[in-house]
N, C-alpha and C. Protein backbone atom coordinates (compact mmCIF):
# COMPACT_ATOMS: atom_id res chain seq x y z
N MET A 1 0.71 -1.40 0.28
CA MET A 1 -0.01 0.17 0.12
C MET A 1 0.97 1.46 -0.07
N LYS A 2 1.04 1.89 -1.25
CA LYS A 2 1.64 2.87 -1.18
C LYS A 2 0.48 4.12 -0.98
N ARG A 3 -0.36 4.32 -0.43
CA ARG A 3 -1.22 5.22 -0.34
C ARG A 3 -0.43 6.57 0.40
N GLY A 4 0.31 6.29 1.46
CA GLY A 4 0.76 7.39 2.37
C GLY A 4 1.64 8.24 1.67
N SER A 5 2.33 7.77 0.72
CA SER A 5 3.35 8.72 0.45
C SER A 5 2.59 9.28 -0.85
N GLU A 6 1.65 8.84 -1.24
CA GLU A 6 0.82 9.25 -3.00
C GLU A 6 0.19 10.72 -2.08
N THR A 7 -0.44 10.45 -1.20
CA THR A 7 -1.05 11.66 -0.63
C THR A 7 -0.16 12.68 -0.08
N SER A 8 0.68 12.35 0.11
CA SER A 8 1.75 13.13 1.01
C SER A 8 2.54 14.23 -0.01
N THR A 9 2.73 13.25 -1.04
CA THR A 9 3.23 13.78 -2.47
C THR A 9 2.38 14.74 -3.02
N LYS A 10 1.10 14.59 -3.35
CA LYS A 10 0.34 15.00 -4.05
C LYS A 10 -0.99 15.90 -2.92
N LYS A 11 -0.34 17.05 -2.30
CA LYS A 11 -1.31 17.87 -1.45
C LYS A 11 -1.98 18.91 -1.87
N GLY A 12 -3.13 19.58 -1.96
CA GLY A 12 -4.17 20.65 -2.47
C GLY A 12 -3.40 21.66 -1.84
N TYR A 13 -2.93 21.80 -0.36
CA TYR A 13 -2.13 22.91 0.23
C TYR A 13 -1.05 22.91 0.42
N ASN A 14 -0.20 23.84 0.66
CA ASN A 14 1.28 23.36 0.90
C ASN A 14 1.42 24.12 2.10
N TYR A 15 0.80 23.47 3.10
CA TYR A 15 1.36 24.09 4.76
C TYR A 15 1.83 23.69 5.16
N PRO A 16 3.25 23.93 6.28
CA PRO A 16 4.28 23.39 6.76
C PRO A 16 3.88 22.21 7.88
N VAL A 17 2.60 22.76 8.50
CA VAL A 17 2.27 22.21 9.38
C VAL A 17 1.05 20.81 9.23
N GLY A 18 1.26 19.72 9.37
CA GLY A 18 0.25 18.67 8.83
C GLY A 18 -0.93 18.63 9.46
N PRO A 19 -1.88 17.70 8.94
CA PRO A 19 -3.19 17.94 9.09
C PRO A 19 -3.28 17.51 10.59
N ILE A 20 -2.65 16.49 10.83
CA ILE A 20 -2.49 16.09 12.50
C ILE A 20 -2.35 17.07 13.70
N LEU A 21 -1.14 18.14 13.23
CA LEU A 21 -0.83 19.25 14.02
C LEU A 21 -2.16 19.93 14.34
N LEU A 22 -2.72 20.24 13.18
CA LEU A 22 -3.93 21.28 12.57
C LEU A 22 -5.06 20.82 13.83
N GLY A 23 -5.17 19.23 13.42
CA GLY A 23 -6.12 18.57 14.23
C GLY A 23 -6.34 18.79 15.71
N PHE A 24 -4.96 18.69 15.98
CA PHE A 24 -4.64 18.51 17.56
C PHE A 24 -4.47 20.05 17.97
N PHE A 25 -4.47 21.33 17.13
CA PHE A 25 -4.45 22.76 17.40
C PHE A 25 -6.11 22.73 17.71
N VAL A 26 -6.81 21.99 17.13
CA VAL A 26 -8.47 22.72 17.15
C VAL A 26 -8.54 22.00 18.03
N PHE A 27 -8.22 20.54 18.50
CA PHE A 27 -8.97 20.06 19.57
C PHE A 27 -8.71 20.38 21.07
N VAL A 28 -7.20 21.12 21.16
CA VAL A 28 -6.96 21.67 22.44
C VAL A 28 -7.80 23.21 22.39
N VAL A 29 -7.81 24.10 21.54
CA VAL A 29 -8.74 24.96 21.51
C VAL A 29 -10.36 24.59 22.10
N ILE A 30 -10.79 23.72 21.17
CA ILE A 30 -12.07 23.54 21.68
C ILE A 30 -12.46 22.72 22.90
N GLY A 31 -11.21 22.14 23.20
CA GLY A 31 -11.36 20.95 24.39
C GLY A 31 -11.30 22.29 25.84
N SER A 32 -10.46 22.93 25.72
CA SER A 32 -9.81 23.83 26.71
C SER A 32 -11.47 24.66 26.84
N SER A 33 -12.13 25.05 25.48
CA SER A 33 -13.20 26.04 26.09
C SER A 33 -14.14 24.98 26.42
N LEU A 34 -14.36 24.05 25.83
CA LEU A 34 -15.55 22.81 26.32
C LEU A 34 -15.28 22.51 27.89
N PHE A 35 -13.92 22.48 28.53
CA PHE A 35 -13.74 22.68 29.46
C PHE A 35 -13.99 23.37 30.65
N GLN A 36 -13.95 24.65 30.19
CA GLN A 36 -14.02 25.91 31.07
C GLN A 36 -15.55 26.01 31.14
N ILE A 37 -16.32 25.66 30.19
CA ILE A 37 -17.79 25.80 30.09
C ILE A 37 -18.38 24.83 31.23
N ILE A 38 -17.76 23.57 31.29
CA ILE A 38 -18.41 22.40 32.16
C ILE A 38 -18.05 22.75 33.38
N ARG A 39 -17.01 23.18 33.44
CA ARG A 39 -16.41 24.00 34.73
C ARG A 39 -17.59 24.55 35.39
N THR A 40 -17.68 26.02 34.66
CA THR A 40 -18.79 26.96 35.10
C THR A 40 -20.06 26.41 35.41
N ALA A 41 -20.29 25.35 34.30
CA ALA A 41 -21.59 24.57 34.89
C ALA A 41 -21.30 23.66 35.92
N ILE A 42 -20.56 23.18 36.86
CA ILE A 42 -20.44 22.40 37.65
C ILE A 42 -20.29 23.22 38.74
N HIS A 43 -19.88 24.65 38.59
CA HIS A 43 -19.87 25.51 39.89
C HIS A 43 -20.97 26.46 39.86
N GLY A 44 -21.92 25.85 39.01
CA GLY A 44 -22.97 26.60 39.45
C GLY A 44 -23.49 28.03 38.86
N GLY A 45 -23.03 27.88 37.42
CA GLY A 45 -23.62 28.89 37.18
C GLY A 45 -23.52 29.28 35.77
N MET A 46 -24.83 30.00 35.16
CA MET A 46 -24.81 30.22 33.90
C MET A 46 -24.58 31.96 34.03
N ALA A 47 -23.63 32.31 35.13
CA ALA A 47 -22.95 33.31 35.71
C ALA A 47 -22.07 34.30 34.73
C-alpha cells in the first residue's frame, strides 16, 4: 500500500504543518473552551 506516500506528495495545500498538528490544535482550543464551560456549569452558574 503506497497510499501514504501518494497523499503526502500531492497535497492541495502546501502548509508546513500537517493535518495531524492542525487537528491537535483545534482539539486543544475546543477542548479548553469546553472544559471551561463544563467547569462553570459544575460550579453553579450560567453567570
